[in-house]
């Protein structure tokens, strides 16, 4: 998560609207079609990124079998007793693995009503720079789920491959060479999160969400949802709309870094989750982040005459380290 808002906005109910509010884009012609097909799809994606910052993606090439398998592993872990989940808990020094919900408290707009399992790339440390413990550690896997690590790693790799293709489409949609962003993704600091949302109590106030309104930090997020709805997106006019699951399709959204690169042409939009279905909800977002040493700033080739940068340069490693530093207490203690 990145920018968040807590206020009257949390009191607004999302409208159930036609799926056309969030366009469905078929990515197969971009992956397998002609140059004209690629540019047509890139233009569709560019339009969606300018208008709402979200779109559904089908024809993405990720197998249904792999998607089902990673959801099955997620459910197998989160259905374990708390004591068993705690064995795979993340820590401030080794920030990978299970992160529980905070201990029970009166519900408010600040409540965080979900658990997660955090997975990141496994790179060998190249130097003794600060924050190596954040970026260069092995993943932590549950000991009694032998297929968990293999399946999650395979899914992580599939998401990175899809992300690289999406970056080419984003570049073309901005009128840039399609390889414009490749240089920023040699050792990307991506994160896969397995998320488990409890149902909101029936009597919960309208201000209560499972996650507060926020934008994502990196350039893009690829979200797989189960069949339970709950994702809500804020339009440019301030109206909240539902983004229900569509079988076989991903939800793609622009994050802050792509908005900064595009100097505001692409929109990093607010979204939240409200699970009012009365049953548990699973989702699996993949957060694409650039290399640690990249500095994200508006691309000069996008500036029109007289235009100036709308955003200051941001060093990826420092920016993400500040985000991780929010974890000040051992997550194994959060639920006690």
Protein backbone atom coordinates (compact mmCIF):
# COMPACT_ATOMS: atom_id res chain seq x y z
CA UNK A 1 0.00 0.00 0.00
CA UNK A 2 0.98 3.63 -0.36
CA UNK A 3 -1.07 6.76 -0.05
CA UNK A 4 -4.12 6.19 2.14
CA UNK A 5 -7.08 8.34 3.04
CA UNK A 6 -9.09 8.20 6.22
CA UNK A 7 -12.05 10.49 6.52
CA UNK A 8 -15.48 11.16 5.10
CA UNK A 9 -14.47 9.24 1.99
CA UNK A 10 -14.64 6.01 3.98
CA UNK A 11 -18.33 6.65 4.66
CA UNK A 12 -19.26 6.46 0.97
CA UNK A 13 -20.83 3.25 -0.27
CA UNK A 14 -19.71 1.81 -3.60
CA UNK A 15 -22.21 1.65 -6.43
CA UNK A 16 -22.83 -1.57 -8.32
CA UNK A 17 -22.19 -0.55 -11.92
CA UNK A 18 -21.80 -2.15 -15.32
CA UNK A 19 -18.44 -3.83 -15.85
CA UNK A 20 -17.81 -1.40 -18.72
CA UNK A 21 -16.86 1.14 -16.03
CA UNK A 22 -13.66 -0.89 -15.71
CA UNK A 23 -12.78 -2.04 -19.23
CA UNK A 24 -12.08 -5.65 -20.14
CA UNK A 25 -9.00 -5.93 -22.36
CA UNK A 26 -7.95 -9.03 -24.27
CA UNK A 27 -4.16 -9.28 -24.03
CA UNK A 28 -3.76 -12.22 -26.43
CA UNK A 29 -3.44 -10.01 -29.55
CA UNK A 30 -0.62 -8.12 -27.85
CA UNK A 31 1.20 -11.33 -26.95
CA UNK A 32 0.65 -13.16 -30.24
CA UNK A 33 -0.62 -10.68 -32.84
CA UNK A 34 0.80 -8.28 -35.40
CA UNK A 35 2.40 -4.92 -34.69
CA UNK A 36 -0.95 -3.30 -35.45
CA UNK A 37 -2.61 -5.63 -32.91
CA UNK A 38 -0.04 -4.70 -30.28
CA UNK A 39 -0.56 -0.99 -30.78
CA UNK A 40 -4.33 -1.34 -30.68
CA UNK A 41 -4.20 -3.21 -27.36
CA UNK A 42 -1.63 -0.75 -25.99
CA UNK A 43 -3.94 2.13 -26.88
CA UNK A 44 -6.82 0.42 -25.06
CA UNK A 45 -4.63 -0.04 -22.00
CA UNK A 46 -3.41 3.56 -22.22
CA UNK A 47 -6.98 4.85 -22.32
CA UNK A 48 -7.89 2.79 -19.23
CA UNK A 49 -4.81 4.02 -17.37
CA UNK A 50 -5.69 7.64 -18.13
CA UNK A 51 -9.37 7.33 -17.24
CA UNK A 52 -9.51 5.17 -14.12
CA UNK A 53 -6.17 3.42 -13.63
CA UNK A 54 -7.81 -0.03 -13.55
CA UNK A 55 -8.76 -2.65 -16.13
CA UNK A 56 -9.60 -6.34 -16.38
CA UNK A 57 -7.19 -8.51 -18.37
CA UNK A 58 -8.07 -11.73 -20.18
CA UNK A 59 -5.98 -13.62 -22.72
CA UNK A 60 -2.99 -13.20 -20.41
CA UNK A 61 -1.53 -16.68 -20.92
CA UNK A 62 -1.38 -17.73 -17.26
CA UNK A 63 -2.86 -21.21 -16.93
CA UNK A 64 -6.03 -21.83 -14.97
CA UNK A 65 -4.27 -24.80 -13.38
CA UNK A 66 -1.51 -22.63 -11.89
CA UNK A 67 -4.01 -20.03 -10.69
CA UNK A 68 -6.10 -22.71 -8.97
CA UNK A 69 -3.02 -24.29 -7.43
CA UNK A 70 -1.79 -21.09 -5.78
CA UNK A 71 -5.26 -20.36 -4.36
CA UNK A 72 -5.41 -23.92 -3.00
CA UNK A 73 -2.06 -23.48 -1.27
CA UNK A 74 -3.18 -20.15 0.18
CA UNK A 75 -6.37 -21.68 1.58
CA UNK A 76 -4.42 -24.62 3.00
CA UNK A 77 -2.16 -22.26 4.92
CA UNK A 78 -4.79 -19.84 6.22
CA UNK A 79 -7.03 -22.68 7.36
CA UNK A 80 -4.32 -23.88 9.73
CA UNK A 81 -4.62 -23.12 13.45
CA UNK A 82 -3.04 -19.86 14.58
CA UNK A 83 -0.27 -21.74 16.37
CA UNK A 84 0.71 -23.45 13.12
CA UNK A 85 0.58 -20.23 11.07
CA UNK A 86 2.76 -18.53 13.66
CA UNK A 87 5.61 -20.92 12.86
CA UNK A 88 5.96 -19.18 9.47
CA UNK A 89 5.58 -15.63 10.82
CA UNK A 90 7.56 -12.75 9.35
CA UNK A 91 9.81 -10.68 11.61
CA UNK A 92 11.33 -7.19 11.28
CA UNK A 93 14.69 -8.85 10.54
CA UNK A 94 13.25 -11.42 8.12
CA UNK A 95 10.21 -9.75 6.60
CA UNK A 96 8.82 -12.69 4.66
CA UNK A 97 6.09 -15.10 5.58
CA UNK A 98 2.88 -14.77 7.57
CA UNK A 99 1.67 -11.42 8.89
CA UNK A 100 -1.42 -11.72 11.12
CA UNK A 101 -4.12 -9.20 11.78
CA UNK A 102 -3.54 -6.90 14.77
CA UNK A 103 -5.07 -8.02 18.02
CA UNK A 104 -8.85 -7.48 18.32
CA UNK A 105 -9.93 -3.90 18.98
CA UNK A 106 -13.06 -1.78 18.45
CA UNK A 107 -13.68 -1.54 14.71
CA UNK A 108 -12.94 1.79 13.04
CA UNK A 109 -11.94 3.20 9.68
CA UNK A 110 -8.33 2.39 10.62
CA UNK A 111 -8.93 -1.32 11.22
CA UNK A 112 -6.84 -3.82 9.22
CA UNK A 113 -9.00 -6.90 8.85
CA UNK A 114 -6.89 -9.28 6.81
CA UNK A 115 -3.89 -11.57 7.06
CA UNK A 116 -1.18 -11.98 4.48
CA UNK A 117 1.69 -14.21 3.44
CA UNK A 118 4.53 -12.18 1.93
CA UNK A 119 6.80 -13.62 -0.79
CA UNK A 120 9.67 -11.77 -2.51
CA UNK A 121 12.49 -12.57 -4.93
CA UNK A 122 15.56 -14.37 -3.65
CA UNK A 123 18.69 -12.45 -4.66
CA UNK A 124 22.16 -12.76 -3.25
CA UNK A 125 23.35 -9.59 -1.53
CA UNK A 126 25.81 -7.68 -3.71
CA UNK A 127 27.19 -5.33 -1.06
CA UNK A 128 26.84 -4.32 2.57
CA UNK A 129 24.37 -1.51 1.89
CA UNK A 130 21.65 -0.61 4.36
CA UNK A 131 18.43 -2.60 4.41
CA UNK A 132 19.87 -5.75 2.86
CA UNK A 133 17.82 -7.68 5.41
CA UNK A 134 14.70 -6.37 3.64
CA UNK A 135 15.65 -7.08 0.05
CA UNK A 136 18.10 -9.99 0.18
CA UNK A 137 16.73 -12.79 2.30
CA UNK A 138 15.38 -16.21 1.37
CA UNK A 139 11.66 -16.77 1.48
CA UNK A 140 10.13 -18.45 4.50
CA UNK A 141 7.98 -21.49 3.70
CA UNK A 142 5.55 -23.48 5.87
CA UNK A 143 7.26 -26.68 6.92
CA UNK A 144 4.22 -28.94 6.57
CA UNK A 145 3.04 -27.79 3.12
CA UNK A 146 5.64 -29.36 0.82
CA UNK A 147 4.20 -27.95 -2.44
CA UNK A 148 3.67 -24.42 -1.11
CA UNK A 149 7.09 -22.98 -1.99
CA UNK A 150 7.29 -24.62 -5.41
CA UNK A 151 3.83 -23.48 -6.50
CA UNK A 152 4.18 -19.96 -5.13
CA UNK A 153 7.58 -19.57 -6.80
CA UNK A 154 6.20 -20.78 -10.14
CA UNK A 155 3.32 -18.34 -9.84
CA UNK A 156 5.70 -15.49 -8.90
CA UNK A 157 7.71 -16.16 -12.07
CA UNK A 158 4.56 -16.23 -14.21
CA UNK A 159 3.51 -12.89 -12.76
CA UNK A 160 6.91 -11.34 -13.47
CA UNK A 161 6.76 -12.55 -17.09
CA UNK A 162 3.27 -11.08 -17.50
CA UNK A 163 4.39 -7.85 -15.83
CA UNK A 164 7.24 -7.41 -18.32
CA UNK A 165 4.76 -7.74 -21.18
CA UNK A 166 2.41 -5.24 -19.55
CA UNK A 167 5.28 -2.77 -19.17
CA UNK A 168 5.83 -2.93 -22.93
CA UNK A 169 2.15 -2.21 -23.48
CA UNK A 170 2.25 0.71 -21.02
CA UNK A 171 5.24 2.16 -22.86
CA UNK A 172 3.54 1.95 -26.25
CA UNK A 173 0.40 3.46 -24.76
CA UNK A 174 2.49 6.48 -23.72
CA UNK A 175 4.00 6.81 -27.20
CA UNK A 176 7.37 5.44 -26.04
CA UNK A 177 9.50 2.60 -27.41
CA UNK A 178 8.10 -0.64 -26.03
CA UNK A 179 11.39 -1.50 -24.29
CA UNK A 180 11.53 1.88 -22.48
CA UNK A 181 11.07 0.38 -19.00
CA UNK A 182 13.21 -2.74 -19.48
CA UNK A 183 16.33 -1.10 -18.04
CA UNK A 184 14.63 -0.68 -14.65
CA UNK A 185 13.86 -4.39 -14.18
CA UNK A 186 17.08 -6.41 -14.02
CA UNK A 187 16.60 -7.50 -10.38
CA UNK A 188 13.10 -6.23 -9.61
CA UNK A 189 11.92 -6.07 -6.00
CA UNK A 190 8.52 -7.62 -6.70
CA UNK A 191 6.23 -8.96 -4.01
CA UNK A 192 3.57 -11.66 -4.10
CA UNK A 193 1.01 -11.48 -1.29
CA UNK A 194 -1.46 -14.20 -0.39
CA UNK A 195 -4.32 -12.32 1.30
CA UNK A 196 -7.02 -13.68 3.59
CA UNK A 197 -9.96 -11.41 4.44
CA UNK A 198 -12.35 -12.20 7.24
CA UNK A 199 -15.98 -11.18 6.61
CA UNK A 200 -16.96 -7.84 8.09
CA UNK A 201 -19.45 -8.20 10.95
CA UNK A 202 -23.04 -7.56 9.76
CA UNK A 203 -23.34 -4.65 12.19
CA UNK A 204 -20.03 -3.00 11.20
CA UNK A 205 -20.34 0.74 10.55
CA UNK A 206 -20.15 1.92 6.95
CA UNK A 207 -16.72 3.44 7.63
CA UNK A 208 -15.18 0.03 8.38
CA UNK A 209 -13.24 -1.70 5.59
CA UNK A 210 -10.92 -4.67 5.52
CA UNK A 211 -8.34 -2.30 4.02
CA UNK A 212 -8.50 1.50 4.12
CA UNK A 213 -8.58 3.51 0.91
CA UNK A 214 -5.10 3.49 -0.60
CA UNK A 215 -3.00 3.52 -3.76
CA UNK A 216 -0.24 1.02 -4.55
CA UNK A 217 3.41 1.98 -4.40
CA UNK A 218 4.93 0.36 -7.45
CA UNK A 219 4.26 0.79 -11.18
CA UNK A 220 1.55 -1.88 -11.45
CA UNK A 221 -0.34 -4.58 -9.58
CA UNK A 222 -1.77 -7.83 -10.97
CA UNK A 223 -4.66 -9.04 -8.82
CA UNK A 224 -6.25 -12.47 -8.83
CA UNK A 225 -9.58 -12.61 -6.95
CA UNK A 226 -11.59 -15.57 -5.78
CA UNK A 227 -15.34 -15.67 -6.40
CA UNK A 228 -16.16 -13.43 -3.44
CA UNK A 229 -16.46 -9.74 -4.26
CA UNK A 230 -15.27 -6.84 -2.15
CA UNK A 231 -12.82 -4.79 -4.22
CA UNK A 232 -13.96 -1.20 -4.73
CA UNK A 233 -12.40 1.47 -6.95
CA UNK A 234 -12.74 5.25 -6.88
CA UNK A 235 -13.51 6.95 -10.19
CA UNK A 236 -12.07 10.34 -11.15
CA UNK A 237 -15.41 11.96 -10.27
CA UNK A 238 -15.16 10.62 -6.72
CA UNK A 239 -17.77 7.88 -7.08
CA UNK A 240 -16.84 4.50 -5.61
CA UNK A 241 -17.68 1.51 -7.81
CA UNK A 242 -17.47 -2.24 -7.27
CA UNK A 243 -14.85 -4.26 -9.17
CA UNK A 244 -16.33 -7.77 -8.93
CA UNK A 245 -14.34 -10.88 -9.83
CA UNK A 246 -14.49 -12.06 -13.44
CA UNK A 247 -13.63 -15.72 -13.90
CA UNK A 248 -10.23 -16.20 -15.51
CA UNK A 249 -9.44 -12.50 -15.67
CA UNK A 250 -7.01 -10.41 -13.67
CA UNK A 251 -7.58 -6.92 -12.33
CA UNK A 252 -4.66 -4.67 -13.28
CA UNK A 253 -4.08 -1.30 -11.66
CA UNK A 254 -1.53 1.46 -12.02
CA UNK A 255 0.52 2.36 -8.95
CA UNK A 256 2.29 5.53 -7.87
CA UNK A 257 5.57 4.90 -9.68
CA UNK A 258 3.93 4.57 -13.10
CA UNK A 259 1.99 7.76 -12.41
CA UNK A 260 5.28 9.48 -11.55
CA UNK A 261 7.06 8.14 -14.66
CA UNK A 262 4.16 9.30 -16.85
CA UNK A 263 4.07 12.72 -15.13
CA UNK A 264 0.45 12.13 -14.19
CA UNK A 265 -0.84 10.87 -17.54
CA UNK A 266 -1.54 7.47 -16.01
CA UNK A 267 -3.64 7.48 -12.84
CA UNK A 268 -2.70 5.72 -9.61
CA UNK A 269 -6.16 5.33 -8.18
CA UNK A 270 -7.60 4.76 -4.72
CA UNK A 271 -9.15 1.40 -3.93
CA UNK A 272 -10.23 -0.58 -0.87
CA UNK A 273 -11.70 -3.93 0.14
CA UNK A 274 -14.99 -4.43 1.99
CA UNK A 275 -15.85 -8.09 2.43
CA UNK A 276 -19.54 -8.00 3.29
CA UNK A 277 -20.27 -11.42 1.77
CA UNK A 278 -20.47 -13.15 5.15
CA UNK A 279 -17.75 -15.65 4.21
CA UNK A 280 -13.96 -15.60 3.98
CA UNK A 281 -12.32 -14.03 0.93
CA UNK A 282 -8.98 -14.82 -0.74
CA UNK A 283 -7.05 -12.68 -3.19
CA UNK A 284 -3.50 -12.77 -4.55
CA UNK A 285 -1.91 -9.50 -5.70
CA UNK A 286 1.50 -9.31 -7.37
CA UNK A 287 3.18 -5.96 -6.80
CA UNK A 288 5.73 -5.11 -9.49
CA UNK A 289 8.60 -2.93 -8.23
CA UNK A 290 11.74 -1.79 -10.09
CA UNK A 291 15.35 -2.54 -9.16
CA UNK A 292 16.64 -1.26 -5.84
CA UNK A 293 18.99 1.36 -7.36
CA UNK A 294 16.44 2.88 -9.75
CA UNK A 295 15.35 6.51 -9.32
CA UNK A 296 11.78 7.04 -10.52
CA UNK A 297 11.01 10.48 -11.93
CA UNK A 298 8.90 11.90 -14.78
CA UNK A 299 10.30 10.91 -18.16
CA UNK A 300 11.47 14.00 -20.03
CA UNK A 301 10.50 12.63 -23.44
CA UNK A 302 6.87 12.85 -22.34
CA UNK A 303 7.02 16.57 -21.55
CA UNK A 304 5.15 18.87 -23.88
CA UNK A 305 6.47 22.38 -24.50
CA UNK A 306 6.55 24.29 -21.24
CA UNK A 307 5.63 21.25 -19.14
CA UNK A 308 7.57 20.66 -15.93
CA UNK A 309 7.89 17.62 -13.67
CA UNK A 310 4.84 17.15 -11.46
CA UNK A 311 6.65 14.77 -9.10
CA UNK A 312 10.03 14.71 -7.38
CA UNK A 313 12.56 11.92 -7.99
CA UNK A 314 12.11 8.88 -5.73
CA UNK A 315 14.83 6.32 -5.00
CA UNK A 316 13.18 2.91 -5.11
CA UNK A 317 15.30 1.23 -2.43
CA UNK A 318 14.85 4.03 0.09
CA UNK A 319 11.15 4.40 -0.70
CA UNK A 320 10.37 0.71 -0.23
CA UNK A 321 12.56 0.47 2.87
CA UNK A 322 10.49 3.20 4.52
CA UNK A 323 7.36 1.25 3.68
CA UNK A 324 8.73 -1.94 5.20
CA UNK A 325 9.93 -0.03 8.26
CA UNK A 326 6.28 0.43 9.23
CA UNK A 327 6.62 -3.02 10.78
CA UNK A 328 8.01 -2.02 14.18
CA UNK A 329 6.78 -5.01 16.17
CA UNK A 330 7.32 -8.69 15.63
CA UNK A 331 4.19 -9.88 13.73
CA UNK A 332 4.14 -12.98 15.92
CA UNK A 333 3.03 -10.69 18.73
CA UNK A 334 0.33 -8.81 16.81
CA UNK A 335 -2.40 -11.35 17.42
CA UNK A 336 -1.71 -11.87 21.12
